C-alpha atoms as a PDB file:
ATOM      1  CA  UNK A   1     -61.596  -5.693 108.660  1.00  0.00           C
ATOM      2  CA  UNK A   2     -58.701  -3.724 109.916  1.00  0.00           C
ATOM      3  CA  UNK A   3     -55.897  -4.625 112.365  1.00  0.00           C
ATOM      4  CA  UNK A   4     -58.168  -5.720 115.622  1.00  0.00           C
ATOM      5  CA  UNK A   5     -58.553  -9.172 113.120  1.00  0.00           C
ATOM      6  CA  UNK A   6     -55.472  -9.173 111.261  1.00  0.00           C
ATOM      7  CA  UNK A   7     -53.104  -8.251 114.685  1.00  0.00           C
ATOM      8  CA  UNK A   8     -51.389 -10.790 117.451  1.00  0.00           C
ATOM      9  CA  UNK A   9     -51.991 -10.080 120.728  1.00  0.00           C
ATOM     10  CA  UNK A  10     -49.536  -7.774 122.672  1.00  0.00           C
ATOM     11  CA  UNK A  11     -46.828  -9.226 124.846  1.00  0.00           C
ATOM     12  CA  UNK A  12     -47.552  -7.335 127.850  1.00  0.00           C
ATOM     13  CA  UNK A  13     -48.220  -9.447 130.841  1.00  0.00           C
ATOM     14  CA  UNK A  14     -52.139  -8.794 131.711  1.00  0.00           C
ATOM     15  CA  UNK A  15     -52.405 -10.028 135.565  1.00  0.00           C
ATOM     16  CA  UNK A  16     -56.377 -10.782 136.841  1.00  0.00           C
ATOM     17  CA  UNK A  17     -57.042 -11.085 140.297  1.00  0.00           C
ATOM     18  CA  UNK A  18     -60.132 -12.746 142.558  1.00  0.00           C
ATOM     19  CA  UNK A  19     -61.966 -16.113 142.743  1.00  0.00           C
ATOM     20  CA  UNK A  20     -61.268 -19.324 140.589  1.00  0.00           C
ATOM     21  CA  UNK A  21     -64.069 -21.758 141.624  1.00  0.00           C
ATOM     22  CA  UNK A  22     -66.176 -24.724 140.200  1.00  0.00           C
ATOM     23  CA  UNK A  23     -69.368 -24.010 137.964  1.00  0.00           C
ATOM     24  CA  UNK A  24     -72.184 -26.877 138.222  1.00  0.00           C
ATOM     25  CA  UNK A  25     -74.517 -26.129 135.280  1.00  0.00           C
ATOM     26  CA  UNK A  26     -77.530 -28.151 134.676  1.00  0.00           C
ATOM     27  CA  UNK A  27     -77.544 -30.572 132.129  1.00  0.00           C
ATOM     28  CA  UNK A  28     -80.843 -29.764 130.733  1.00  0.00           C
ATOM     29  CA  UNK A  29     -81.600 -25.638 129.958  1.00  0.00           C
ATOM     30  CA  UNK A  30     -85.021 -23.801 131.585  1.00  0.00           C
ATOM     31  CA  UNK A  31     -85.101 -26.062 134.587  1.00  0.00           C
ATOM     32  CA  UNK A  32     -84.559 -24.856 138.410  1.00  0.00           C
ATOM     33  CA  UNK A  33     -81.354 -26.913 140.261  1.00  0.00           C
ATOM     34  CA  UNK A  34     -84.237 -29.066 142.094  1.00  0.00           C
ATOM     35  CA  UNK A  35     -85.513 -30.301 138.964  1.00  0.00           C
ATOM     36  CA  UNK A  36     -82.277 -30.148 136.976  1.00  0.00           C
ATOM     37  CA  UNK A  37     -81.004 -34.341 136.366  1.00  0.00           C
ATOM     38  CA  UNK A  38     -77.780 -33.626 136.088  1.00  0.00           C
ATOM     39  CA  UNK A  39     -74.456 -31.126 136.387  1.00  0.00           C
ATOM     40  CA  UNK A  40     -71.970 -30.744 133.823  1.00  0.00           C
ATOM     41  CA  UNK A  41     -68.593 -29.467 135.909  1.00  0.00           C
ATOM     42  CA  UNK A  42     -66.671 -26.423 134.635  1.00  0.00           C
ATOM     43  CA  UNK A  43     -64.111 -24.136 136.014  1.00  0.00           C
ATOM     44  CA  UNK A  44     -65.234 -20.202 136.419  1.00  0.00           C
ATOM     45  CA  UNK A  45     -64.989 -17.333 138.042  1.00  0.00           C
ATOM     46  CA  UNK A  46     -64.787 -14.351 136.527  1.00  0.00           C
ATOM     47  CA  UNK A  47     -60.916 -12.826 136.874  1.00  0.00           C
ATOM     48  CA  UNK A  48     -60.033 -16.501 136.225  1.00  0.00           C
ATOM     49  CA  UNK A  49     -62.079 -16.764 133.080  1.00  0.00           C
ATOM     50  CA  UNK A  50     -60.709 -12.962 131.709  1.00  0.00           C
ATOM     51  CA  UNK A  51     -56.815 -14.770 132.443  1.00  0.00           C
ATOM     52  CA  UNK A  52     -57.749 -17.766 130.292  1.00  0.00           C
ATOM     53  CA  UNK A  53     -59.719 -15.764 128.098  1.00  0.00           C
ATOM     54  CA  UNK A  54     -56.336 -13.575 127.119  1.00  0.00           C
ATOM     55  CA  UNK A  55     -54.590 -16.656 126.966  1.00  0.00           C
ATOM     56  CA  UNK A  56     -56.877 -18.682 124.551  1.00  0.00           C
ATOM     57  CA  UNK A  57     -56.496 -15.406 122.318  1.00  0.00           C
ATOM     58  CA  UNK A  58     -52.346 -15.642 122.661  1.00  0.00           C
ATOM     59  CA  UNK A  59     -52.043 -12.877 125.074  1.00  0.00           C
ATOM     60  CA  UNK A  60     -49.746 -13.311 128.048  1.00  0.00           C
ATOM     61  CA  UNK A  61     -51.779 -13.624 131.474  1.00  0.00           C
ATOM     62  CA  UNK A  62     -51.193 -14.459 134.984  1.00  0.00           C
ATOM     63  CA  UNK A  63     -54.188 -15.120 137.927  1.00  0.00           C
ATOM     64  CA  UNK A  64     -53.702 -14.255 141.222  1.00  0.00           C
ATOM     65  CA  UNK A  65     -56.170 -16.032 144.024  1.00  0.00           C
ATOM     66  CA  UNK A  66     -56.275 -18.481 146.693  1.00  0.00           C
ATOM     67  CA  UNK A  67     -58.030 -21.952 145.907  1.00  0.00           C
ATOM     68  CA  UNK A  68     -58.406 -25.013 148.438  1.00  0.00           C
ATOM     69  CA  UNK A  69     -55.638 -27.523 148.880  1.00  0.00           C
ATOM     70  CA  UNK A  70     -58.085 -30.331 147.740  1.00  0.00           C
ATOM     71  CA  UNK A  71     -58.772 -31.711 144.627  1.00  0.00           C
ATOM     72  CA  UNK A  72     -60.919 -29.343 143.063  1.00  0.00           C
ATOM     73  CA  UNK A  73     -58.420 -26.283 144.085  1.00  0.00           C
ATOM     74  CA  UNK A  74     -55.315 -28.318 142.368  1.00  0.00           C
ATOM     75  CA  UNK A  75     -57.358 -29.237 139.275  1.00  0.00           C
ATOM     76  CA  UNK A  76     -58.242 -25.373 138.688  1.00  0.00           C
ATOM     77  CA  UNK A  77     -54.977 -24.406 139.435  1.00  0.00           C
ATOM     78  CA  UNK A  78     -53.771 -27.124 136.297  1.00  0.00           C
ATOM     79  CA  UNK A  79     -56.570 -25.972 133.835  1.00  0.00           C
ATOM     80  CA  UNK A  80     -54.673 -22.308 134.622  1.00  0.00           C
ATOM     81  CA  UNK A  81     -51.446 -23.941 133.625  1.00  0.00           C
ATOM     82  CA  UNK A  82     -52.745 -26.252 130.770  1.00  0.00           C
ATOM     83  CA  UNK A  83     -54.405 -22.566 129.488  1.00  0.00           C
ATOM     84  CA  UNK A  84     -50.835 -20.859 129.165  1.00  0.00           C
ATOM     85  CA  UNK A  85     -51.524 -18.359 132.517  1.00  0.00           C
ATOM     86  CA  UNK A  86     -49.341 -18.522 135.020  1.00  0.00           C
ATOM     87  CA  UNK A  87     -50.022 -19.586 138.506  1.00  0.00           C
ATOM     88  CA  UNK A  88     -47.184 -18.206 140.755  1.00  0.00           C
ATOM     89  CA  UNK A  89     -49.958 -15.761 142.183  1.00  0.00           C
ATOM     90  CA  UNK A  90     -51.850 -18.784 143.362  1.00  0.00           C
ATOM     91  CA  UNK A  91     -51.686 -20.062 146.879  1.00  0.00           C
ATOM     92  CA  UNK A  92     -53.531 -22.645 148.648  1.00  0.00           C
ATOM     93  CA  UNK A  93     -55.399 -22.899 151.934  1.00  0.00           C
ATOM     94  CA  UNK A  94     -55.690 -26.330 154.291  1.00  0.00           C
ATOM     95  CA  UNK A  95     -58.316 -24.812 155.848  1.00  0.00           C
ATOM     96  CA  UNK A  96     -61.256 -24.282 153.603  1.00  0.00           C
ATOM     97  CA  UNK A  97     -62.352 -25.567 150.445  1.00  0.00           C
ATOM     98  CA  UNK A  98     -62.499 -24.429 146.848  1.00  0.00           C
ATOM     99  CA  UNK A  99     -66.073 -22.256 146.078  1.00  0.00           C
ATOM    100  CA  UNK A 100     -68.515 -23.771 144.649  1.00  0.00           C
ATOM    101  CA  UNK A 101     -71.458 -22.366 142.167  1.00  0.00           C
ATOM    102  CA  UNK A 102     -74.417 -23.817 140.887  1.00  0.00           C
ATOM    103  CA  UNK A 103     -75.490 -21.989 137.912  1.00  0.00           C
ATOM    104  CA  UNK A 104     -79.159 -22.848 136.661  1.00  0.00           C
ATOM    105  CA  UNK A 105     -79.890 -22.122 133.183  1.00  0.00           C
ATOM    106  CA  UNK A 106     -83.389 -20.548 132.213  1.00  0.00           C
ATOM    107  CA  UNK A 107     -84.897 -21.269 128.621  1.00  0.00           C
ATOM    108  CA  UNK A 108     -83.311 -17.836 127.240  1.00  0.00           C
ATOM    109  CA  UNK A 109     -79.931 -18.655 128.221  1.00  0.00           C
ATOM    110  CA  UNK A 110     -79.832 -16.379 131.674  1.00  0.00           C
ATOM    111  CA  UNK A 111     -77.975 -17.779 134.967  1.00  0.00           C
ATOM    112  CA  UNK A 112     -79.491 -17.655 138.174  1.00  0.00           C
ATOM    113  CA  UNK A 113     -76.566 -18.677 141.244  1.00  0.00           C
ATOM    114  CA  UNK A 114     -76.352 -20.338 144.079  1.00  0.00           C
ATOM    115  CA  UNK A 115     -73.111 -20.154 145.880  1.00  0.00           C
ATOM    116  CA  UNK A 116     -70.905 -22.723 148.384  1.00  0.00           C
ATOM    117  CA  UNK A 117     -68.934 -20.312 150.225  1.00  0.00           C
ATOM    118  CA  UNK A 118     -68.777 -20.969 154.136  1.00  0.00           C
ATOM    119  CA  UNK A 119     -65.852 -19.694 153.696  1.00  0.00           C
ATOM    120  CA  UNK A 120     -64.259 -20.561 150.438  1.00  0.00           C
ATOM    121  CA  UNK A 121     -60.580 -20.588 149.903  1.00  0.00           C
ATOM    122  CA  UNK A 122     -60.565 -17.177 147.265  1.00  0.00           C
ATOM    123  CA  UNK A 123     -62.124 -15.550 150.625  1.00  0.00           C
ATOM    124  CA  UNK A 124     -58.921 -16.130 153.204  1.00  0.00           C
ATOM    125  CA  UNK A 125     -55.999 -14.493 150.943  1.00  0.00           C
ATOM    126  CA  UNK A 126     -54.816 -12.687 152.900  1.00  0.00           C
ATOM    127  CA  UNK A 127     -52.250  -8.952 151.954  1.00  0.00           C
ATOM    128  CA  UNK A 128     -48.800 -11.072 153.039  1.00  0.00           C
ATOM    129  CA  UNK A 129     -49.724 -13.942 150.344  1.00  0.00           C
ATOM    130  CA  UNK A 130     -49.347 -11.691 147.264  1.00  0.00           C
ATOM    131  CA  UNK A 131     -46.706 -12.153 144.992  1.00  0.00           C
ATOM    132  CA  UNK A 132     -45.826  -8.648 144.568  1.00  0.00           C
ATOM    133  CA  UNK A 133     -43.269  -9.023 142.141  1.00  0.00           C
ATOM    134  CA  UNK A 134     -45.906 -10.885 139.606  1.00  0.00           C
ATOM    135  CA  UNK A 135     -48.331  -7.731 140.164  1.00  0.00           C
ATOM    136  CA  UNK A 136     -45.686  -5.324 139.610  1.00  0.00           C
ATOM    137  CA  UNK A 137     -44.963  -6.849 136.370  1.00  0.00           C
ATOM    138  CA  UNK A 138     -48.338  -6.215 135.010  1.00  0.00           C
ATOM    139  CA  UNK A 139     -48.915  -3.774 132.337  1.00  0.00           C
ATOM    140  CA  UNK A 140     -52.961  -4.250 132.907  1.00  0.00           C
ATOM    141  CA  UNK A 141     -54.294  -5.547 136.368  1.00  0.00           C
ATOM    142  CA  UNK A 142     -57.633  -6.329 135.875  1.00  0.00           C
ATOM    143  CA  UNK A 143     -60.010  -7.089 138.975  1.00  0.00           C
ATOM    144  CA  UNK A 144     -63.669  -7.422 140.088  1.00  0.00           C
ATOM    145  CA  UNK A 145     -66.072  -6.713 143.154  1.00  0.00           C
ATOM    146  CA  UNK A 146     -66.412 -10.436 144.883  1.00  0.00           C
ATOM    147  CA  UNK A 147     -62.828 -10.040 146.521  1.00  0.00           C
ATOM    148  CA  UNK A 148     -64.159  -6.875 148.371  1.00  0.00           C
ATOM    149  CA  UNK A 149     -67.389  -8.651 150.100  1.00  0.00           C
ATOM    150  CA  UNK A 150     -64.847  -9.816 153.083  1.00  0.00           C
ATOM    151  CA  UNK A 151     -61.875  -9.405 154.771  1.00  0.00           C
ATOM    152  CA  UNK A 152     -58.959 -10.385 154.469  1.00  0.00           C
ATOM    153  CA  UNK A 153     -59.402 -10.686 151.257  1.00  0.00           C
ATOM    154  CA  UNK A 154     -60.748  -7.117 150.553  1.00  0.00           C
ATOM    155  CA  UNK A 155     -57.386  -5.728 152.587  1.00  0.00           C
ATOM    156  CA  UNK A 156     -55.198  -8.213 149.741  1.00  0.00           C
ATOM    157  CA  UNK A 157     -57.544  -6.575 147.081  1.00  0.00           C
ATOM    158  CA  UNK A 158     -56.650  -3.053 147.860  1.00  0.00           C
ATOM    159  CA  UNK A 159     -53.276  -3.766 148.434  1.00  0.00           C
ATOM    160  CA  UNK A 160     -52.331  -5.608 145.087  1.00  0.00           C
ATOM    161  CA  UNK A 161     -54.387  -2.505 143.582  1.00  0.00           C
ATOM    162  CA  UNK A 162     -51.987   0.042 145.073  1.00  0.00           C
ATOM    163  CA  UNK A 163     -49.109  -2.015 144.083  1.00  0.00           C
ATOM    164  CA  UNK A 164     -50.246  -2.252 140.188  1.00  0.00           C
ATOM    165  CA  UNK A 165     -51.178   1.631 140.112  1.00  0.00           C
ATOM    166  CA  UNK A 166     -47.802   2.675 141.609  1.00  0.00           C
ATOM    167  CA  UNK A 167     -46.217   0.334 139.020  1.00  0.00           C
ATOM    168  CA  UNK A 168     -47.815   1.935 136.256  1.00  0.00           C
ATOM    169  CA  UNK A 169     -50.197  -1.034 135.070  1.00  0.00           C
ATOM    170  CA  UNK A 170     -53.681   0.231 133.653  1.00  0.00           C
ATOM    171  CA  UNK A 171     -56.499  -0.706 136.137  1.00  0.00           C
ATOM    172  CA  UNK A 172     -59.709  -2.739 134.665  1.00  0.00           C
ATOM    173  CA  UNK A 173     -62.231  -3.397 136.606  1.00  0.00           C
ATOM    174  CA  UNK A 174     -65.770  -5.335 135.580  1.00  0.00           C
ATOM    175  CA  UNK A 175     -67.955  -5.536 138.938  1.00  0.00           C
ATOM    176  CA  UNK A 176     -69.528  -8.739 138.074  1.00  0.00           C
ATOM    177  CA  UNK A 177     -72.634  -8.223 140.055  1.00  0.00           C
ATOM    178  CA  UNK A 178     -73.726 -11.422 142.211  1.00  0.00           C
ATOM    179  CA  UNK A 179     -76.351 -10.098 144.767  1.00  0.00           C
ATOM    180  CA  UNK A 180     -76.863 -13.494 146.542  1.00  0.00           C
ATOM    181  CA  UNK A 181     -73.308 -12.953 147.856  1.00  0.00           C
ATOM    182  CA  UNK A 182     -73.648  -9.910 149.286  1.00  0.00           C
ATOM    183  CA  UNK A 183     -75.435  -9.024 152.367  1.00  0.00           C
ATOM    184  CA  UNK A 184     -77.467  -6.590 151.097  1.00  0.00           C
ATOM    185  CA  UNK A 185     -77.690  -4.667 147.932  1.00  0.00           C
ATOM    186  CA  UNK A 186     -76.957  -1.362 149.431  1.00  0.00           C
ATOM    187  CA  UNK A 187     -73.316  -2.946 150.767  1.00  0.00           C
ATOM    188  CA  UNK A 188     -72.691  -4.070 147.454  1.00  0.00           C
ATOM    189  CA  UNK A 189     -73.623  -0.404 146.139  1.00  0.00           C
ATOM    190  CA  UNK A 190     -71.281   0.674 148.874  1.00  0.00           C
ATOM    191  CA  UNK A 191     -68.609  -1.725 148.271  1.00  0.00           C
ATOM    192  CA  UNK A 192     -68.348  -2.117 144.516  1.00  0.00           C
ATOM    193  CA  UNK A 193     -68.255   1.982 144.094  1.00  0.00           C
ATOM    194  CA  UNK A 194     -65.662   2.402 146.714  1.00  0.00           C
ATOM    195  CA  UNK A 195     -62.645   1.459 144.448  1.00  0.00           C
ATOM    196  CA  UNK A 196     -64.720   3.159 141.239  1.00  0.00           C
ATOM    197  CA  UNK A 197     -62.691   5.993 140.912  1.00  0.00           C
ATOM    198  CA  UNK A 198     -59.175   4.070 141.172  1.00  0.00           C
ATOM    199  CA  UNK A 199     -59.822   2.184 137.972  1.00  0.00           C
ATOM    200  CA  UNK A 200     -58.698   3.090 134.125  1.00  0.00           C
ATOM    201  CA  UNK A 201     -60.862   1.147 132.035  1.00  0.00           C
ATOM    202  CA  UNK A 202     -64.623  -0.168 133.844  1.00  0.00           C
ATOM    203  CA  UNK A 203     -66.614  -2.361 131.757  1.00  0.00           C
ATOM    204  CA  UNK A 204     -70.674  -2.850 133.016  1.00  0.00           C
ATOM    205  CA  UNK A 205     -73.334  -5.006 132.070  1.00  0.00           C
ATOM    206  CA  UNK A 206     -76.501  -3.233 131.371  1.00  0.00           C
ATOM    207  CA  UNK A 207     -78.170  -5.040 134.507  1.00  0.00           C
ATOM    208  CA  UNK A 208     -75.518  -3.440 136.553  1.00  0.00           C
ATOM    209  CA  UNK A 209     -75.695  -0.410 134.705  1.00  0.00           C
ATOM    210  CA  UNK A 210     -79.544  -0.456 136.292  1.00  0.00           C
ATOM    211  CA  UNK A 211     -77.992  -1.303 139.582  1.00  0.00           C
ATOM    212  CA  UNK A 212     -75.369   1.289 140.056  1.00  0.00           C
ATOM    213  CA  UNK A 213     -77.711   4.081 138.939  1.00  0.00           C
ATOM    214  CA  UNK A 214     -81.232   2.986 139.994  1.00  0.00           C
ATOM    215  CA  UNK A 215     -82.375   3.737 136.792  1.00  0.00           C
ATOM    216  CA  UNK A 216     -84.268   1.394 134.472  1.00  0.00           C
ATOM    217  CA  UNK A 217     -83.275   3.265 131.239  1.00  0.00           C
ATOM    218  CA  UNK A 218     -80.159   1.886 129.586  1.00  0.00           C
ATOM    219  CA  UNK A 219     -78.843   5.466 127.827  1.00  0.00           C
ATOM    220  CA  UNK A 220     -75.960   7.954 127.590  1.00  0.00           C
ATOM    221  CA  UNK A 221     -77.108  10.134 130.588  1.00  0.00           C
ATOM    222  CA  UNK A 222     -77.336   6.893 133.224  1.00  0.00           C
ATOM    223  CA  UNK A 223     -74.065   5.377 131.850  1.00  0.00           C
ATOM    224  CA  UNK A 224     -72.354   8.742 131.843  1.00  0.00           C
ATOM    225  CA  UNK A 225     -73.733   9.060 136.109  1.00  0.00           C
ATOM    226  CA  UNK A 226     -70.870   6.466 136.637  1.00  0.00           C
ATOM    227  CA  UNK A 227     -68.303   8.578 134.936  1.00  0.00           C
ATOM    228  CA  UNK A 228     -65.268   9.788 136.648  1.00  0.00           C
ATOM    229  CA  UNK A 229     -61.885  12.197 135.942  1.00  0.00           C
ATOM    230  CA  UNK A 230     -59.445   9.979 135.434  1.00  0.00           C
ATOM    231  CA  UNK A 231     -61.442   7.385 134.182  1.00  0.00           C
ATOM    232  CA  UNK A 232     -60.162   6.527 130.262  1.00  0.00           C
ATOM    233  CA  UNK A 233     -62.925   4.064 128.855  1.00  0.00           C
ATOM    234  CA  UNK A 234     -66.682   3.288 130.000  1.00  0.00           C
ATOM    235  CA  UNK A 235     -68.077   0.214 128.388  1.00  0.00           C
ATOM    236  CA  UNK A 236     -71.330  -0.746 128.725  1.00  0.00           C
ATOM    237  CA  UNK A 237     -72.407  -4.538 127.598  1.00  0.00           C
ATOM    238  CA  UNK A 238     -75.616  -5.014 126.105  1.00  0.00           C
ATOM    239  CA  UNK A 239     -75.904  -9.041 125.515  1.00  0.00           C
ATOM    240  CA  UNK A 240     -77.512  -9.365 121.738  1.00  0.00           C
ATOM    241  CA  UNK A 241     -77.457  -5.534 121.196  1.00  0.00           C
ATOM    242  CA  UNK A 242     -73.776  -5.392 121.405  1.00  0.00           C
ATOM    243  CA  UNK A 243     -72.036  -2.670 123.749  1.00  0.00           C
ATOM    244  CA  UNK A 244     -71.446   1.053 124.286  1.00  0.00           C
ATOM    245  CA  UNK A 245     -68.568   2.786 124.791  1.00  0.00           C
ATOM    246  CA  UNK A 246     -67.582   6.137 126.427  1.00  0.00           C
ATOM    247  CA  UNK A 247     -64.468   8.100 126.582  1.00  0.00           C
ATOM    248  CA  UNK A 248     -63.575  11.575 127.286  1.00  0.00           C
ATOM    249  CA  UNK A 249     -63.788  12.846 123.583  1.00  0.00           C
ATOM    250  CA  UNK A 250     -66.156  10.309 121.887  1.00  0.00           C
ATOM    251  CA  UNK A 251     -68.920   7.598 122.427  1.00  0.00           C
ATOM    252  CA  UNK A 252     -70.711   4.972 120.604  1.00  0.00           C
ATOM    253  CA  UNK A 253     -71.792   1.587 119.985  1.00  0.00           C
ATOM    254  CA  UNK A 254     -71.224  -2.025 117.912  1.00  0.00           C
ATOM    255  CA  UNK A 255     -73.404  -4.567 117.409  1.00  0.00           C
ATOM    256  CA  UNK A 256     -73.397  -7.683 118.373  1.00  0.00           C
ATOM    257  CA  UNK A 257     -72.763 -10.849 116.678  1.00  0.00           C
ATOM    258  CA  UNK A 258     -75.626 -13.039 116.013  1.00  0.00           C
ATOM    259  CA  UNK A 259     -75.143 -16.842 117.365  1.00  0.00           C
ATOM    260  CA  UNK A 260     -77.223 -19.683 118.623  1.00  0.00           C
ATOM    261  CA  UNK A 261     -76.891 -18.831 122.186  1.00  0.00           C
ATOM    262  CA  UNK A 262     -76.876 -21.749 124.351  1.00  0.00           C
ATOM    263  CA  UNK A 263     -75.648 -20.226 127.768  1.00  0.00           C
ATOM    264  CA  UNK A 264     -74.227 -16.809 128.711  1.00  0.00           C
ATOM    265  CA  UNK A 265     -71.574 -17.655 130.960  1.00  0.00           C
ATOM    266  CA  UNK A 266     -68.194 -16.402 130.958  1.00  0.00           C
ATOM    267  CA  UNK A 267     -69.685 -14.088 127.911  1.00  0.00           C
ATOM    268  CA  UNK A 268     -68.453 -10.620 129.656  1.00  0.00           C
ATOM    269  CA  UNK A 269     -65.352 -12.330 130.754  1.00  0.00           C
ATOM    270  CA  UNK A 270     -64.235 -13.015 126.813  1.00  0.00           C
ATOM    271  CA  UNK A 271     -65.310  -9.487 125.836  1.00  0.00           C
ATOM    272  CA  UNK A 272     -63.009  -8.372 128.524  1.00  0.00           C
ATOM    273  CA  UNK A 273     -60.028 -10.705 127.880  1.00  0.00           C
ATOM    274  CA  UNK A 274     -60.241  -9.570 124.308  1.00  0.00           C
ATOM    275  CA  UNK A 275     -59.974  -6.099 124.670  1.00  0.00           C
ATOM    276  CA  UNK A 276     -57.521  -6.291 127.130  1.00  0.00           C
ATOM    277  CA  UNK A 277     -55.467  -8.405 124.903  1.00  0.00           C
ATOM    278  CA  UNK A 278     -55.843  -6.034 121.819  1.00  0.00           C
ATOM    279  CA  UNK A 279     -54.867  -2.352 124.417  1.00  0.00           C
ATOM    280  CA  UNK A 280     -52.019  -4.136 126.501  1.00  0.00           C
ATOM    281  CA  UNK A 281     -49.206  -2.597 124.614  1.00  0.00           C
ATOM    282  CA  UNK A 282     -50.901   0.470 123.326  1.00  0.00           C
ATOM    283  CA  UNK A 283     -53.393   1.931 125.657  1.00  0.00           C
ATOM    284  CA  UNK A 284     -53.560   5.235 122.771  1.00  0.00           C
ATOM    285  CA  UNK A 285     -55.922   2.804 121.143  1.00  0.00           C
ATOM    286  CA  UNK A 286     -58.089   4.143 123.700  1.00  0.00           C
ATOM    287  CA  UNK A 287     -57.984   7.349 122.531  1.00  0.00           C
ATOM    288  CA  UNK A 288     -58.530   6.625 118.908  1.00  0.00           C
ATOM    289  CA  UNK A 289     -62.146   5.841 117.962  1.00  0.00           C
ATOM    290  CA  UNK A 290     -61.386   4.046 114.634  1.00  0.00           C
ATOM    291  CA  UNK A 291     -59.255   1.725 116.300  1.00  0.00           C
ATOM    292  CA  UNK A 292     -60.989   1.449 119.072  1.00  0.00           C
ATOM    293  CA  UNK A 293     -64.115   0.326 117.586  1.00  0.00           C
ATOM    294  CA  UNK A 294     -62.382  -2.432 115.672  1.00  0.00           C
ATOM    295  CA  UNK A 295     -61.133  -3.992 119.023  1.00  0.00           C
ATOM    296  CA  UNK A 296     -64.485  -3.778 120.305  1.00  0.00           C
ATOM    297  CA  UNK A 297     -66.033  -5.625 117.176  1.00  0.00           C
ATOM    298  CA  UNK A 298     -63.261  -8.309 118.099  1.00  0.00           C
ATOM    299  CA  UNK A 299     -64.227  -8.288 121.559  1.00  0.00           C
ATOM    300  CA  UNK A 300     -68.218  -8.786 121.246  1.00  0.00           C
ATOM    301  CA  UNK A 301     -67.275 -11.803 118.603  1.00  0.00           C
ATOM    302  CA  UNK A 302     -65.226 -13.203 121.346  1.00  0.00           C
ATOM    303  CA  UNK A 303     -68.397 -12.918 123.797  1.00  0.00           C
ATOM    304  CA  UNK A 304     -70.660 -13.749 121.272  1.00  0.00           C
ATOM    305  CA  UNK A 305     -68.748 -17.191 120.547  1.00  0.00           C
ATOM    306  CA  UNK A 306     -68.471 -17.987 124.340  1.00  0.00           C
ATOM    307  CA  UNK A 307     -72.578 -17.867 124.501  1.00  0.00           C
ATOM    308  CA  UNK A 308     -72.840 -21.181 122.470  1.00  0.00           C
ATOM    309  CA  UNK A 309     -71.017 -23.543 124.500  1.00  0.00           C
ATOM    310  CA  UNK A 310     -71.990 -24.696 128.468  1.00  0.00           C
ATOM    311  CA  UNK A 311     -69.715 -22.986 130.624  1.00  0.00           C
ATOM    312  CA  UNK A 312     -67.060 -20.527 130.717  1.00  0.00           C
ATOM    313  CA  UNK A 313     -63.795 -21.625 130.082  1.00  0.00           C
ATOM    314  CA  UNK A 314     -64.672 -24.934 127.935  1.00  0.00           C
ATOM    315  CA  UNK A 315     -66.432 -21.945 125.595  1.00  0.00           C
ATOM    316  CA  UNK A 316     -63.486 -19.194 125.636  1.00  0.00           C
ATOM    317  CA  UNK A 317     -62.323 -18.736 121.518  1.00  0.00           C
ATOM    318  CA  UNK A 318     -58.725 -18.723 120.280  1.00  0.00           C
ATOM    319  CA  UNK A 319     -58.199 -15.998 117.511  1.00  0.00           C
ATOM    320  CA  UNK A 320     -59.407 -18.484 114.681  1.00  0.00           C
ATOM    321  CA  UNK A 321     -62.587 -18.871 116.185  1.00  0.00           C
ATOM    322  CA  UNK A 322     -63.298 -15.059 116.393  1.00  0.00           C
ATOM    323  CA  UNK A 323     -61.748 -14.958 112.615  1.00  0.00           C
ATOM    324  CA  UNK A 324     -64.010 -17.146 111.148  1.00  0.00           C
ATOM    325  CA  UNK A 325     -67.032 -15.582 113.047  1.00  0.00           C
ATOM    326  CA  UNK A 326     -66.475 -12.081 111.797  1.00  0.00           C
ATOM    327  CA  UNK A 327     -65.533 -13.130 108.815  1.00  0.00           C
ATOM    328  CA  UNK A 328     -68.544 -14.954 108.384  1.00  0.00           C
ATOM    329  CA  UNK A 329     -70.800 -12.089 109.610  1.00  0.00           C
ATOM    330  CA  UNK A 330     -68.837 -10.272 106.355  1.00  0.00           C
ATOM    331  CA  UNK A 331     -68.971 -12.456 103.742  1.00  0.00           C
END
């Protein structure tokens, strides 16, 4: 195995913007929320997961978002710092609670969500509360789409993207579709696509690809229908089938690693964090298919490891975990 496994992560700062919340995961898989005998409390939220994934792998990460000025909010801020993520971009709302999500695990390890946001603190982040110096220092600025759902967070999101882009950051977008949070499927598509052409790197799941294109086939044609002229890298994650990658000059696929899947929560975030770690200081990797494939093998291994435990952040791997999985596969 070459550089992707042996080299450390970059020194450049990866700033992740959006929501952080508490996931409540049933202690028993394959049951409805009503039938679950109990729940495990797990910190989560896709952008925060990505930030911690980066830090766990030895990269430099910061998180920008808003939490409730409550016990859960301060607990989550503490989890960021405990994991080595800079929390200077976190603000607290005295009038709204930290978001909660109850996540049901089906027998196949896939998830269904029920959210408590009415409104939650993350939805109330304003443009004036942004730590612009922190955002300007990012070499990569990563975000999702949940922060686009309502104002004022939508305006904060758009301003943060603009500031990061002007400062020369690579913009990374993972839509992280959560339909129950949107007023309609149509609105979700419109808003997710409203910032599509700004991103340099986009990662979608197979389910998100189907949703955004209206195609029930996962193939190159449907993926490339999402291409835009300024895009550098489009990734489609396929769960146990690995991922596909598309650039302006080449395309291909990387196989997944076989593991005993318990909970898929956070697998995509782990994948993204690993990718960003490896390209943060050398964006030219995107244009070198050999090096990019090595990075994507590493990212797929990170995603696979994350599915072997319940909850997102508790399951995110360290570099040695990834090396062990890849070495085991190769032996």
